[in-house]
Amino acid sequence: MKKATLLTVPASHPSLAAELMLRHKGVPYRRIDLVTAAHRGLLRALRFPRGTVPALRLNGRRVQGTREIAVALDQVAPEPPLFPSDPERRAAIEEAERWGDQVYQPVPRRIIWASLKRDRSTVASYLEGAKLGIPVRLAVLTTPPIVQAAARMNHATDEAIRQDLADLPGLLDHVDGLIRAGVLNGPELNVADFQIGTSSALLATMEDLEPQLAGRPLLEHARRVAPGYPGHLPKVLPAAWLTAR
């Protein structure tokens, strides 16, 4: 098998999910981080069909998105499997993966960009370990327009964030329910663990959300799936947004 190439942006939770799946499989790879917001045009120039990360070159194929990458990895490296062979369990895991991708994943992305618009003082912490080809201290200087562009691109408006925060307790309850049901956090990690655990790990970098996450099973799950997730953001959101239900 040729070494795979994973194209990401720094601190992207779906990008980390793809990287963790590559490690889980033992597939050799190199990671290249692209500049957030500029990555869309770069991926098109590299002949990927969409301007989204994670994007993977794997044995001559171009594959994008965590769900597509998971299927491709199970095809080229069947062991250890990301999808179980038992049909009933596989269906439950695929449903959790789909929910994690379509419903849960966008929420921390919007909240983080909206928060960074208010306070960029710790943005360097989210670039820890980044492979941008320039020192982090120089990359930090470019962040003001990137944060603004990313917030627009991800529709991180005040209205959207207030709704995300109102919905968050129910989303967290759902993750905890998946853990209690054994869909997540079993003896062997599966595709839904990587999809969902990385989103929880990004939420856990924000001080504003600590009271909602404290004591939940999903917090330990996130630490198991994505230990050492980079980044830390102090309290920046209006208190009224965090207490409204």
C-alpha atoms as a PDB file:
ATOM      1  CA  MET A   1       0.000   0.000   0.000  1.00  0.00           C
ATOM      2  CA  LYS A   2       1.271   3.457  -0.926  1.00  0.00           C
ATOM      3  CA  LYS A   3       1.521   6.072   1.784  1.00  0.00           C
ATOM      4  CA  ALA A   4      -1.742   8.001   1.955  1.00  0.00           C
ATOM      5  CA  THR A   5      -1.886  11.806   1.961  1.00  0.00           C
ATOM      6  CA  LEU A   6      -4.391  13.451   4.286  1.00  0.00           C
ATOM      7  CA  LEU A   7      -5.284  17.078   3.630  1.00  0.00           C
ATOM      8  CA  THR A   8      -6.747  18.912   6.615  1.00  0.00           C
ATOM      9  CA  VAL A   9      -7.076  22.293   8.273  1.00  0.00           C
ATOM     10  CA  PRO A  10      -5.721  22.889  11.797  1.00  0.00           C
ATOM     11  CA  ALA A  11      -7.935  21.863  14.746  1.00  0.00           C
ATOM     12  CA  SER A  12     -10.657  20.529  12.422  1.00  0.00           C
ATOM     13  CA  HIS A  13     -12.562  17.842  14.310  1.00  0.00           C
ATOM     14  CA  PRO A  14     -13.597  15.854  11.200  1.00  0.00           C
ATOM     15  CA  SER A  15     -10.010  16.067   9.963  1.00  0.00           C
ATOM     16  CA  LEU A  16      -8.811  14.652  13.267  1.00  0.00           C
ATOM     17  CA  ALA A  17     -11.442  11.900  13.018  1.00  0.00           C
ATOM     18  CA  ALA A  18      -9.976  10.873   9.655  1.00  0.00           C
ATOM     19  CA  GLU A  19      -6.439  10.976  11.014  1.00  0.00           C
ATOM     20  CA  LEU A  20      -7.391   8.868  14.030  1.00  0.00           C
ATOM     21  CA  MET A  21      -9.014   6.303  11.737  1.00  0.00           C
ATOM     22  CA  LEU A  22      -5.806   6.110   9.683  1.00  0.00           C
ATOM     23  CA  ARG A  23      -3.831   5.503  12.876  1.00  0.00           C
ATOM     24  CA  HIS A  24      -6.397   2.952  14.076  1.00  0.00           C
ATOM     25  CA  LYS A  25      -5.919   1.042  10.835  1.00  0.00           C
ATOM     26  CA  GLY A  26      -2.150   1.358  10.839  1.00  0.00           C
ATOM     27  CA  VAL A  27      -2.269   2.889   7.344  1.00  0.00           C
ATOM     28  CA  PRO A  28       0.905   4.898   6.636  1.00  0.00           C
ATOM     29  CA  TYR A  29       0.144   8.513   5.788  1.00  0.00           C
ATOM     30  CA  ARG A  30       1.457  12.042   5.694  1.00  0.00           C
ATOM     31  CA  ARG A  31      -0.650  15.000   6.757  1.00  0.00           C
ATOM     32  CA  ILE A  32      -0.690  18.384   5.075  1.00  0.00           C
ATOM     33  CA  ASP A  33      -2.555  21.248   6.733  1.00  0.00           C
ATOM     34  CA  LEU A  34      -4.123  23.858   4.498  1.00  0.00           C
ATOM     35  CA  VAL A  35      -5.048  27.401   5.491  1.00  0.00           C
ATOM     36  CA  THR A  36      -8.643  27.595   6.710  1.00  0.00           C
ATOM     37  CA  ALA A  37     -11.013  29.273   4.211  1.00  0.00           C
ATOM     38  CA  ALA A  38      -8.333  29.178   1.481  1.00  0.00           C
ATOM     39  CA  HIS A  39      -8.523  25.381   1.548  1.00  0.00           C
ATOM     40  CA  ARG A  40     -11.608  25.279  -0.659  1.00  0.00           C
ATOM     41  CA  GLY A  41      -9.862  26.636  -3.726  1.00  0.00           C
ATOM     42  CA  LEU A  42      -6.716  24.623  -3.050  1.00  0.00           C
ATOM     43  CA  LEU A  43      -8.648  21.347  -2.932  1.00  0.00           C
ATOM     44  CA  ARG A  44     -10.361  22.154  -6.218  1.00  0.00           C
ATOM     45  CA  ALA A  45      -6.951  22.885  -7.721  1.00  0.00           C
ATOM     46  CA  LEU A  46      -5.802  19.467  -6.517  1.00  0.00           C
ATOM     47  CA  ARG A  47      -8.736  17.903  -8.406  1.00  0.00           C
ATOM     48  CA  PHE A  48     -10.856  16.974  -5.440  1.00  0.00           C
ATOM     49  CA  PRO A  49     -14.560  17.178  -6.285  1.00  0.00           C
ATOM     50  CA  ARG A  50     -15.448  19.318  -3.253  1.00  0.00           C
ATOM     51  CA  GLY A  51     -13.734  22.082  -1.319  1.00  0.00           C
ATOM     52  CA  THR A  52     -14.054  20.321   2.033  1.00  0.00           C
ATOM     53  CA  VAL A  53     -11.747  18.551   4.472  1.00  0.00           C
ATOM     54  CA  PRO A  54     -10.777  15.924   5.347  1.00  0.00           C
ATOM     55  CA  ALA A  55      -9.572  14.981   1.883  1.00  0.00           C
ATOM     56  CA  LEU A  56      -7.539  11.830   1.338  1.00  0.00           C
ATOM     57  CA  ARG A  57      -5.412  10.504  -1.495  1.00  0.00           C
ATOM     58  CA  LEU A  58      -5.430   6.737  -1.033  1.00  0.00           C
ATOM     59  CA  ASN A  59      -3.989   4.270  -3.548  1.00  0.00           C
ATOM     60  CA  GLY A  60      -4.688   6.621  -6.445  1.00  0.00           C
ATOM     61  CA  ARG A  61      -8.194   7.543  -5.254  1.00  0.00           C
ATOM     62  CA  ARG A  62      -9.402  10.927  -4.027  1.00  0.00           C
ATOM     63  CA  VAL A  63     -11.815  10.517  -1.128  1.00  0.00           C
ATOM     64  CA  GLN A  64     -13.467  13.284   0.890  1.00  0.00           C
ATOM     65  CA  GLY A  65     -15.471  13.355   4.094  1.00  0.00           C
ATOM     66  CA  THR A  66     -15.133  11.203   7.183  1.00  0.00           C
ATOM     67  CA  ARG A  67     -17.902   8.806   6.172  1.00  0.00           C
ATOM     68  CA  GLU A  68     -16.487   8.157   2.717  1.00  0.00           C
ATOM     69  CA  ILE A  69     -12.965   7.858   4.124  1.00  0.00           C
ATOM     70  CA  ALA A  70     -14.110   5.301   6.698  1.00  0.00           C
ATOM     71  CA  VAL A  71     -15.589   3.068   3.989  1.00  0.00           C
ATOM     72  CA  ALA A  72     -12.470   3.384   1.846  1.00  0.00           C
ATOM     73  CA  LEU A  73     -10.205   2.491   4.772  1.00  0.00           C
ATOM     74  CA  ASP A  74     -12.199  -0.635   5.594  1.00  0.00           C
ATOM     75  CA  GLN A  75     -11.825  -1.675   1.956  1.00  0.00           C
ATOM     76  CA  VAL A  76      -8.037  -1.331   1.813  1.00  0.00           C
ATOM     77  CA  ALA A  77      -7.289  -2.367   5.411  1.00  0.00           C
ATOM     78  CA  PRO A  78     -10.087  -4.616   6.749  1.00  0.00           C
ATOM     79  CA  GLU A  79      -8.521  -5.098  10.186  1.00  0.00           C
ATOM     80  CA  PRO A  80      -9.272  -3.745  12.684  1.00  0.00           C
ATOM     81  CA  PRO A  81     -12.729  -2.995  11.257  1.00  0.00           C
ATOM     82  CA  LEU A  82     -14.408   0.382  11.623  1.00  0.00           C
ATOM     83  CA  PHE A  83     -17.770  -1.238  10.851  1.00  0.00           C
ATOM     84  CA  PRO A  84     -18.803  -4.442  12.635  1.00  0.00           C
ATOM     85  CA  SER A  85     -19.898  -7.511  10.671  1.00  0.00           C
ATOM     86  CA  ASP A  86     -23.103  -8.060  12.660  1.00  0.00           C
ATOM     87  CA  PRO A  87     -25.876  -6.423  10.557  1.00  0.00           C
ATOM     88  CA  GLU A  88     -27.922  -5.106  13.478  1.00  0.00           C
ATOM     89  CA  ARG A  89     -24.943  -3.594  15.271  1.00  0.00           C
ATOM     90  CA  ARG A  90     -23.602  -2.168  12.022  1.00  0.00           C
ATOM     91  CA  ALA A  91     -26.938  -0.459  11.336  1.00  0.00           C
ATOM     92  CA  ALA A  92     -26.906   1.156  14.798  1.00  0.00           C
ATOM     93  CA  ILE A  93     -23.332   2.352  14.349  1.00  0.00           C
ATOM     94  CA  GLU A  94     -23.979   3.695  10.859  1.00  0.00           C
ATOM     95  CA  GLU A  95     -27.001   5.619  12.142  1.00  0.00           C
ATOM     96  CA  ALA A  96     -24.894   7.098  14.958  1.00  0.00           C
ATOM     97  CA  GLU A  97     -22.158   7.987  12.468  1.00  0.00           C
ATOM     98  CA  ARG A  98     -24.682   9.700  10.174  1.00  0.00           C
ATOM     99  CA  TRP A  99     -26.162  11.670  13.099  1.00  0.00           C
ATOM    100  CA  GLY A 100     -22.676  12.624  14.256  1.00  0.00           C
ATOM    101  CA  ASP A 101     -21.808  13.900  10.789  1.00  0.00           C
ATOM    102  CA  GLN A 102     -25.008  15.703   9.865  1.00  0.00           C
ATOM    103  CA  VAL A 103     -26.379  16.911  13.209  1.00  0.00           C
ATOM    104  CA  TYR A 104     -23.664  16.994  15.873  1.00  0.00           C
ATOM    105  CA  GLN A 105     -20.525  17.921  13.942  1.00  0.00           C
ATOM    106  CA  PRO A 106     -21.636  21.376  12.676  1.00  0.00           C
ATOM    107  CA  VAL A 107     -22.513  22.611  16.177  1.00  0.00           C
ATOM    108  CA  PRO A 108     -19.019  22.845  17.726  1.00  0.00           C
ATOM    109  CA  ARG A 109     -17.729  24.261  14.445  1.00  0.00           C
ATOM    110  CA  ARG A 110     -20.191  27.137  14.502  1.00  0.00           C
ATOM    111  CA  ILE A 111     -19.733  27.793  18.215  1.00  0.00           C
ATOM    112  CA  ILE A 112     -15.926  27.865  17.996  1.00  0.00           C
ATOM    113  CA  TRP A 113     -15.837  30.292  15.060  1.00  0.00           C
ATOM    114  CA  ALA A 114     -18.395  32.562  16.695  1.00  0.00           C
ATOM    115  CA  SER A 115     -16.361  32.489  19.901  1.00  0.00           C
ATOM    116  CA  LEU A 116     -13.066  33.204  18.125  1.00  0.00           C
ATOM    117  CA  LYS A 117     -14.667  36.237  16.490  1.00  0.00           C
ATOM    118  CA  ARG A 118     -15.087  37.607  20.027  1.00  0.00           C
ATOM    119  CA  ASP A 119     -11.690  36.583  21.428  1.00  0.00           C
ATOM    120  CA  ARG A 120      -8.656  35.434  19.432  1.00  0.00           C
ATOM    121  CA  SER A 121      -6.248  35.616  22.378  1.00  0.00           C
ATOM    122  CA  THR A 122      -5.757  31.842  22.534  1.00  0.00           C
ATOM    123  CA  VAL A 123      -5.970  31.050  18.818  1.00  0.00           C
ATOM    124  CA  ALA A 124      -2.364  29.820  18.860  1.00  0.00           C
ATOM    125  CA  SER A 125      -3.425  26.963  21.130  1.00  0.00           C
ATOM    126  CA  TYR A 126      -5.610  25.585  18.317  1.00  0.00           C
ATOM    127  CA  LEU A 127      -2.597  25.590  15.985  1.00  0.00           C
ATOM    128  CA  GLU A 128      -0.538  23.330  18.239  1.00  0.00           C
ATOM    129  CA  GLY A 129       0.995  20.619  16.072  1.00  0.00           C
ATOM    130  CA  ALA A 130      -0.189  22.255  12.842  1.00  0.00           C
ATOM    131  CA  LYS A 131       1.723  21.378   9.676  1.00  0.00           C
ATOM    132  CA  LEU A 132       1.302  24.607   7.745  1.00  0.00           C
ATOM    133  CA  GLY A 133       4.908  24.990   6.680  1.00  0.00           C
ATOM    134  CA  ILE A 134       5.348  28.225   8.669  1.00  0.00           C
ATOM    135  CA  PRO A 135       5.913  28.883  12.392  1.00  0.00           C
ATOM    136  CA  VAL A 136       2.779  29.095  14.510  1.00  0.00           C
ATOM    137  CA  ARG A 137       3.628  32.652  15.589  1.00  0.00           C
ATOM    138  CA  LEU A 138       3.500  33.744  11.937  1.00  0.00           C
ATOM    139  CA  ALA A 139       0.316  31.791  11.259  1.00  0.00           C
ATOM    140  CA  VAL A 140      -1.353  33.582  14.188  1.00  0.00           C
ATOM    141  CA  LEU A 141      -0.787  36.927  12.463  1.00  0.00           C
ATOM    142  CA  THR A 142      -2.982  35.798   9.564  1.00  0.00           C
ATOM    143  CA  THR A 143      -5.935  34.722  11.711  1.00  0.00           C
ATOM    144  CA  PRO A 144      -8.163  37.877  11.879  1.00  0.00           C
ATOM    145  CA  PRO A 145      -9.432  37.666   8.261  1.00  0.00           C
ATOM    146  CA  ILE A 146      -9.466  33.850   8.413  1.00  0.00           C
ATOM    147  CA  VAL A 147     -11.709  33.849  11.493  1.00  0.00           C
ATOM    148  CA  GLN A 148     -14.098  36.296   9.863  1.00  0.00           C
ATOM    149  CA  ALA A 149     -14.205  34.305   6.618  1.00  0.00           C
ATOM    150  CA  ALA A 150     -14.653  30.970   8.398  1.00  0.00           C
ATOM    151  CA  ALA A 151     -17.460  32.348  10.554  1.00  0.00           C
ATOM    152  CA  ARG A 152     -19.291  33.548   7.426  1.00  0.00           C
ATOM    153  CA  MET A 153     -18.612  30.287   5.595  1.00  0.00           C
ATOM    154  CA  ASN A 154     -20.065  28.253   8.468  1.00  0.00           C
ATOM    155  CA  HIS A 155     -23.040  30.593   9.075  1.00  0.00           C
ATOM    156  CA  ALA A 156     -21.880  31.256  12.641  1.00  0.00           C
ATOM    157  CA  THR A 157     -24.331  34.089  13.225  1.00  0.00           C
ATOM    158  CA  ASP A 158     -25.521  35.174  16.669  1.00  0.00           C
ATOM    159  CA  GLU A 159     -28.943  33.705  15.921  1.00  0.00           C
ATOM    160  CA  ALA A 160     -27.473  30.358  14.850  1.00  0.00           C
ATOM    161  CA  ILE A 161     -25.261  30.141  17.944  1.00  0.00           C
ATOM    162  CA  ARG A 162     -28.119  30.923  20.315  1.00  0.00           C
ATOM    163  CA  GLN A 163     -30.081  28.098  18.704  1.00  0.00           C
ATOM    164  CA  ASP A 164     -27.079  25.739  18.897  1.00  0.00           C
ATOM    165  CA  LEU A 165     -26.674  26.479  22.590  1.00  0.00           C
ATOM    166  CA  ALA A 166     -30.379  25.889  23.208  1.00  0.00           C
ATOM    167  CA  ASP A 167     -30.157  22.556  21.365  1.00  0.00           C
ATOM    168  CA  LEU A 168     -26.885  21.468  22.943  1.00  0.00           C
ATOM    169  CA  PRO A 169     -28.237  19.757  26.093  1.00  0.00           C
ATOM    170  CA  GLY A 170     -30.393  17.468  23.947  1.00  0.00           C
ATOM    171  CA  LEU A 171     -27.453  16.644  21.684  1.00  0.00           C
ATOM    172  CA  LEU A 172     -25.264  15.830  24.671  1.00  0.00           C
ATOM    173  CA  ASP A 173     -28.003  13.630  26.118  1.00  0.00           C
ATOM    174  CA  HIS A 174     -28.121  11.740  22.815  1.00  0.00           C
ATOM    175  CA  VAL A 175     -24.380  11.083  22.884  1.00  0.00           C
ATOM    176  CA  ASP A 176     -24.588   9.853  26.473  1.00  0.00           C
ATOM    177  CA  GLY A 177     -27.461   7.599  25.442  1.00  0.00           C
ATOM    178  CA  LEU A 178     -25.374   6.072  22.646  1.00  0.00           C
ATOM    179  CA  ILE A 179     -22.621   5.376  25.168  1.00  0.00           C
ATOM    180  CA  ARG A 180     -25.035   3.753  27.621  1.00  0.00           C
ATOM    181  CA  ALA A 181     -26.495   1.635  24.805  1.00  0.00           C
ATOM    182  CA  GLY A 182     -23.022   0.370  23.872  1.00  0.00           C
ATOM    183  CA  VAL A 183     -23.093   1.898  20.393  1.00  0.00           C
ATOM    184  CA  LEU A 184     -20.126   4.032  21.459  1.00  0.00           C
ATOM    185  CA  ASN A 185     -17.189   3.363  23.769  1.00  0.00           C
ATOM    186  CA  GLY A 186     -17.090  -0.401  23.410  1.00  0.00           C
ATOM    187  CA  PRO A 187     -13.965  -2.538  23.832  1.00  0.00           C
ATOM    188  CA  GLU A 188     -12.906  -1.621  20.263  1.00  0.00           C
ATOM    189  CA  LEU A 189     -13.471   1.837  18.834  1.00  0.00           C
ATOM    190  CA  ASN A 190     -15.675   2.037  15.753  1.00  0.00           C
ATOM    191  CA  VAL A 191     -16.380   4.631  13.086  1.00  0.00           C
ATOM    192  CA  ALA A 192     -19.058   6.380  15.179  1.00  0.00           C
ATOM    193  CA  ASP A 193     -16.633   6.754  18.084  1.00  0.00           C
ATOM    194  CA  PHE A 194     -14.258   8.740  15.884  1.00  0.00           C
ATOM    195  CA  GLN A 195     -17.043  10.744  14.266  1.00  0.00           C
ATOM    196  CA  ILE A 196     -18.711  11.753  17.532  1.00  0.00           C
ATOM    197  CA  GLY A 197     -15.824  11.724  20.016  1.00  0.00           C
ATOM    198  CA  THR A 198     -13.852  14.351  18.111  1.00  0.00           C
ATOM    199  CA  SER A 199     -16.842  16.731  18.123  1.00  0.00           C
ATOM    200  CA  SER A 200     -17.189  16.295  21.883  1.00  0.00           C
ATOM    201  CA  ALA A 201     -13.454  16.909  22.259  1.00  0.00           C
ATOM    202  CA  LEU A 202     -13.705  20.247  20.439  1.00  0.00           C
ATOM    203  CA  LEU A 203     -16.638  21.302  22.632  1.00  0.00           C
ATOM    204  CA  ALA A 204     -14.500  20.478  25.665  1.00  0.00           C
ATOM    205  CA  THR A 205     -11.897  23.099  24.675  1.00  0.00           C
ATOM    206  CA  MET A 206     -14.372  25.912  25.450  1.00  0.00           C
ATOM    207  CA  GLU A 207     -14.707  27.161  29.027  1.00  0.00           C
ATOM    208  CA  ASP A 208     -18.213  28.434  28.310  1.00  0.00           C
ATOM    209  CA  LEU A 209     -19.406  24.844  27.882  1.00  0.00           C
ATOM    210  CA  GLU A 210     -17.652  23.258  30.858  1.00  0.00           C
ATOM    211  CA  PRO A 211     -20.750  23.291  33.112  1.00  0.00           C
ATOM    212  CA  GLN A 212     -22.786  21.433  30.492  1.00  0.00           C
ATOM    213  CA  LEU A 213     -20.098  18.818  29.859  1.00  0.00           C
ATOM    214  CA  ALA A 214     -18.986  18.183  33.442  1.00  0.00           C
ATOM    215  CA  GLY A 215     -19.699  14.698  34.722  1.00  0.00           C
ATOM    216  CA  ARG A 216     -21.110  13.410  31.449  1.00  0.00           C
ATOM    217  CA  PRO A 217     -19.964  10.043  30.041  1.00  0.00           C
ATOM    218  CA  LEU A 218     -19.259  11.758  26.725  1.00  0.00           C
ATOM    219  CA  LEU A 219     -16.417  13.730  28.297  1.00  0.00           C
ATOM    220  CA  GLU A 220     -14.472  10.587  29.211  1.00  0.00           C
ATOM    221  CA  HIS A 221     -15.347   9.170  25.801  1.00  0.00           C
ATOM    222  CA  ALA A 222     -13.883  12.248  24.104  1.00  0.00           C
ATOM    223  CA  ARG A 223     -10.686  11.900  26.133  1.00  0.00           C
ATOM    224  CA  ARG A 224     -10.400   8.260  25.101  1.00  0.00           C
ATOM    225  CA  VAL A 225     -10.993   8.932  21.408  1.00  0.00           C
ATOM    226  CA  ALA A 226      -9.073  12.213  21.026  1.00  0.00           C
ATOM    227  CA  PRO A 227      -6.692  12.699  23.962  1.00  0.00           C
ATOM    228  CA  GLY A 228      -4.838  15.980  23.896  1.00  0.00           C
ATOM    229  CA  TYR A 229      -7.182  17.742  21.483  1.00  0.00           C
ATOM    230  CA  PRO A 230      -5.478  21.114  20.847  1.00  0.00           C
ATOM    231  CA  GLY A 231      -6.953  24.402  21.901  1.00  0.00           C
ATOM    232  CA  HIS A 232      -8.425  26.303  24.804  1.00  0.00           C
ATOM    233  CA  LEU A 233     -10.885  29.175  24.720  1.00  0.00           C
ATOM    234  CA  PRO A 234     -11.798  31.304  27.751  1.00  0.00           C
ATOM    235  CA  LYS A 235     -15.356  32.385  28.510  1.00  0.00           C
ATOM    236  CA  VAL A 236     -16.440  34.744  25.753  1.00  0.00           C
ATOM    237  CA  LEU A 237     -20.142  34.144  25.071  1.00  0.00           C
ATOM    238  CA  PRO A 238     -22.911  36.194  26.710  1.00  0.00           C
ATOM    239  CA  ALA A 239     -24.153  34.526  29.891  1.00  0.00           C
ATOM    240  CA  ALA A 240     -27.758  34.940  28.748  1.00  0.00           C
ATOM    241  CA  TRP A 241     -27.057  32.744  25.729  1.00  0.00           C
ATOM    242  CA  LEU A 242     -25.721  29.975  27.946  1.00  0.00           C
ATOM    243  CA  THR A 243     -28.635  29.963  30.377  1.00  0.00           C
ATOM    244  CA  ALA A 244     -31.525  30.402  27.902  1.00  0.00           C
ATOM    245  CA  ARG A 245     -33.635  27.293  27.256  1.00  0.00           C
END
